[in-house]
Amino acid sequence: MPGKDKDSHIFERNLIALILVLVLFLSPLTEFWAALDAPWYSPYLIWSLAILIAFLLQRSIQSEDNES
């Protein structure tokens, strides 16, 4: 069943992205990057990075669907 393997691959990618976002925003790393005296826009840059990763994942998923 090639469709089931493909769905599993998509799920794994999304799960990895979710875990990375959770590590960035819900771990002790938040205290670390908040204490760096970084500019006020640094949390927005990190959120933008998370959104960009999600966008790239969705784009690759859609291109894989179009190839099938």
N, C-alpha and C. Protein backbone atom coordinates (compact mmCIF):
# COMPACT_ATOMS: atom_id res chain seq x y z
N MET A 1 0.82 -1.18 0.00
CA MET A 1 0.00 0.00 0.00
C MET A 1 0.86 1.25 0.00
N PRO A 2 1.11 1.83 -1.15
CA PRO A 2 1.95 3.01 -1.19
C PRO A 2 1.30 4.23 -0.53
N GLY A 3 -0.02 4.32 -0.52
CA GLY A 3 -0.69 5.47 0.07
C GLY A 3 -0.51 5.53 1.58
N LYS A 4 -0.53 4.38 2.22
CA LYS A 4 -0.38 4.35 3.67
C LYS A 4 1.03 4.78 4.08
N ASP A 5 2.03 4.34 3.34
CA ASP A 5 3.41 4.72 3.63
C ASP A 5 3.58 6.22 3.45
N LYS A 6 2.98 6.78 2.44
CA LYS A 6 3.07 8.21 2.17
C LYS A 6 2.41 9.01 3.30
N ASP A 7 1.23 8.56 3.76
CA ASP A 7 0.56 9.24 4.85
C ASP A 7 1.39 9.18 6.13
N SER A 8 2.03 8.06 6.36
CA SER A 8 2.88 7.91 7.53
C SER A 8 4.07 8.87 7.46
N HIS A 9 4.63 9.03 6.28
CA HIS A 9 5.76 9.94 6.09
C HIS A 9 5.34 11.38 6.35
N ILE A 10 4.18 11.76 5.88
CA ILE A 10 3.66 13.12 6.10
C ILE A 10 3.42 13.35 7.59
N PHE A 11 2.83 12.36 8.25
CA PHE A 11 2.57 12.47 9.69
C PHE A 11 3.88 12.63 10.47
N GLU A 12 4.89 11.87 10.09
CA GLU A 12 6.18 11.96 10.79
C GLU A 12 6.80 13.33 10.62
N ARG A 13 6.74 13.90 9.43
CA ARG A 13 7.29 15.25 9.22
C ARG A 13 6.58 16.28 10.07
N ASN A 14 5.26 16.22 10.09
CA ASN A 14 4.49 17.18 10.88
C ASN A 14 4.75 17.00 12.37
N LEU A 15 4.90 15.77 12.80
CA LEU A 15 5.19 15.51 14.21
C LEU A 15 6.56 16.06 14.60
N ILE A 16 7.53 15.90 13.75
CA ILE A 16 8.87 16.45 14.03
C ILE A 16 8.82 17.97 14.11
N ALA A 17 8.09 18.60 13.20
CA ALA A 17 7.97 20.06 13.24
C ALA A 17 7.28 20.51 14.52
N LEU A 18 6.24 19.81 14.93
CA LEU A 18 5.53 20.16 16.16
C LEU A 18 6.44 20.02 17.37
N ILE A 19 7.22 18.97 17.41
CA ILE A 19 8.13 18.77 18.53
C ILE A 19 9.18 19.87 18.58
N LEU A 20 9.70 20.27 17.44
CA LEU A 20 10.69 21.35 17.41
C LEU A 20 10.10 22.66 17.92
N VAL A 21 8.88 22.96 17.51
CA VAL A 21 8.23 24.19 17.98
C VAL A 21 7.99 24.12 19.48
N LEU A 22 7.53 22.98 19.97
CA LEU A 22 7.32 22.84 21.41
C LEU A 22 8.62 22.98 22.20
N VAL A 23 9.69 22.44 21.67
CA VAL A 23 10.99 22.57 22.35
C VAL A 23 11.42 24.02 22.39
N LEU A 24 11.19 24.76 21.31
CA LEU A 24 11.58 26.16 21.28
C LEU A 24 10.78 27.02 22.25
N PHE A 25 9.48 26.74 22.36
CA PHE A 25 8.62 27.65 23.11
C PHE A 25 8.20 27.16 24.49
N LEU A 26 8.34 25.89 24.79
CA LEU A 26 7.87 25.38 26.08
C LEU A 26 8.95 24.72 26.91
N SER A 27 10.16 24.95 26.58
CA SER A 27 11.25 24.31 27.31
C SER A 27 12.06 25.37 28.06
N PRO A 28 13.04 24.96 28.81
CA PRO A 28 13.93 25.94 29.46
C PRO A 28 14.69 26.82 28.46
N LEU A 29 14.66 26.44 27.19
CA LEU A 29 15.30 27.29 26.18
C LEU A 29 14.66 28.68 26.13
N THR A 30 13.38 28.78 26.46
CA THR A 30 12.72 30.09 26.44
C THR A 30 13.36 31.04 27.44
N GLU A 31 13.71 30.52 28.61
CA GLU A 31 14.38 31.36 29.59
C GLU A 31 15.77 31.76 29.11
N PHE A 32 16.43 30.86 28.41
CA PHE A 32 17.76 31.15 27.88
C PHE A 32 17.71 32.26 26.84
N TRP A 33 16.84 32.11 25.82
CA TRP A 33 16.85 33.14 24.79
C TRP A 33 16.14 34.41 25.22
N ALA A 34 15.35 34.36 26.30
CA ALA A 34 14.76 35.58 26.84
C ALA A 34 15.78 36.37 27.66
N ALA A 35 16.76 35.67 28.23
CA ALA A 35 17.75 36.32 29.08
C ALA A 35 18.97 36.83 28.30
N LEU A 36 18.96 36.70 27.01
CA LEU A 36 20.13 37.10 26.22
C LEU A 36 20.19 38.60 25.94
N ASP A 37 19.26 39.36 26.44
CA ASP A 37 19.15 40.79 26.12
C ASP A 37 19.09 40.99 24.61
N ALA A 38 18.33 40.12 23.98
CA ALA A 38 18.13 40.21 22.54
C ALA A 38 17.16 41.35 22.23
N PRO A 39 17.13 41.79 20.98
CA PRO A 39 16.19 42.84 20.61
C PRO A 39 14.74 42.42 20.85
N TRP A 40 13.86 43.39 20.91
CA TRP A 40 12.46 43.13 21.21
C TRP A 40 11.79 42.24 20.17
N TYR A 41 12.31 42.21 18.97
CA TYR A 41 11.66 41.46 17.89
C TYR A 41 12.16 40.02 17.79
N SER A 42 13.04 39.59 18.65
CA SER A 42 13.56 38.22 18.55
C SER A 42 12.48 37.14 18.71
N PRO A 43 11.50 37.28 19.62
CA PRO A 43 10.44 36.26 19.65
C PRO A 43 9.66 36.20 18.34
N TYR A 44 9.49 37.36 17.70
CA TYR A 44 8.78 37.38 16.42
C TYR A 44 9.58 36.67 15.33
N LEU A 45 10.89 36.77 15.39
CA LEU A 45 11.73 36.06 14.43
C LEU A 45 11.61 34.55 14.62
N ILE A 46 11.56 34.12 15.86
CA ILE A 46 11.44 32.69 16.13
C ILE A 46 10.08 32.18 15.68
N TRP A 47 9.01 32.95 15.95
CA TRP A 47 7.69 32.56 15.46
C TRP A 47 7.66 32.54 13.94
N SER A 48 8.31 33.51 13.32
CA SER A 48 8.36 33.54 11.85
C SER A 48 9.07 32.31 11.31
N LEU A 49 10.11 31.89 11.98
CA LEU A 49 10.81 30.68 11.57
C LEU A 49 9.91 29.45 11.68
N ALA A 50 9.14 29.36 12.76
CA ALA A 50 8.21 28.24 12.92
C ALA A 50 7.15 28.25 11.82
N ILE A 51 6.64 29.42 11.48
CA ILE A 51 5.64 29.54 10.42
C ILE A 51 6.24 29.18 9.07
N LEU A 52 7.48 29.60 8.83
CA LEU A 52 8.15 29.27 7.58
C LEU A 52 8.36 27.76 7.44
N ILE A 53 8.75 27.12 8.51
CA ILE A 53 8.92 25.66 8.48
C ILE A 53 7.61 24.97 8.16
N ALA A 54 6.52 25.43 8.79
CA ALA A 54 5.20 24.84 8.53
C ALA A 54 4.79 25.06 7.08
N PHE A 55 5.07 26.24 6.55
CA PHE A 55 4.75 26.53 5.15
C PHE A 55 5.53 25.62 4.20
N LEU A 56 6.82 25.46 4.46
CA LEU A 56 7.63 24.62 3.59
C LEU A 56 7.19 23.16 3.65
N LEU A 57 6.80 22.69 4.84
CA LEU A 57 6.28 21.33 4.95
C LEU A 57 5.01 21.16 4.14
N GLN A 58 4.09 22.10 4.26
CA GLN A 58 2.84 22.01 3.52
C GLN A 58 3.08 22.07 2.01
N ARG A 59 3.99 22.91 1.58
CA ARG A 59 4.29 23.04 0.15
C ARG A 59 4.87 21.74 -0.39
N SER A 60 5.75 21.11 0.39
CA SER A 60 6.33 19.85 -0.08
C SER A 60 5.29 18.74 -0.09
N ILE A 61 4.37 18.76 0.87
CA ILE A 61 3.30 17.77 0.90
C ILE A 61 2.39 17.93 -0.32
N GLN A 62 2.05 19.18 -0.64
CA GLN A 62 1.18 19.43 -1.79
C GLN A 62 1.85 19.05 -3.10
N SER A 63 3.17 19.30 -3.21
CA SER A 63 3.86 18.93 -4.44
C SER A 63 3.95 17.42 -4.58
N GLU A 64 4.08 16.70 -3.45
CA GLU A 64 4.07 15.24 -3.50
C GLU A 64 2.70 14.72 -3.92
N ASP A 65 1.64 15.37 -3.47
CA ASP A 65 0.29 14.97 -3.86
C ASP A 65 0.05 15.20 -5.34
N ASN A 66 0.60 16.28 -5.89
CA ASN A 66 0.42 16.56 -7.31
C ASN A 66 1.19 15.60 -8.20
N GLU A 67 2.31 15.07 -7.69
CA GLU A 67 3.11 14.12 -8.47
C GLU A 67 2.43 12.76 -8.56
N SER A 68 1.62 12.43 -7.58
CA SER A 68 0.98 11.11 -7.55
C SER A 68 -0.14 11.01 -8.54
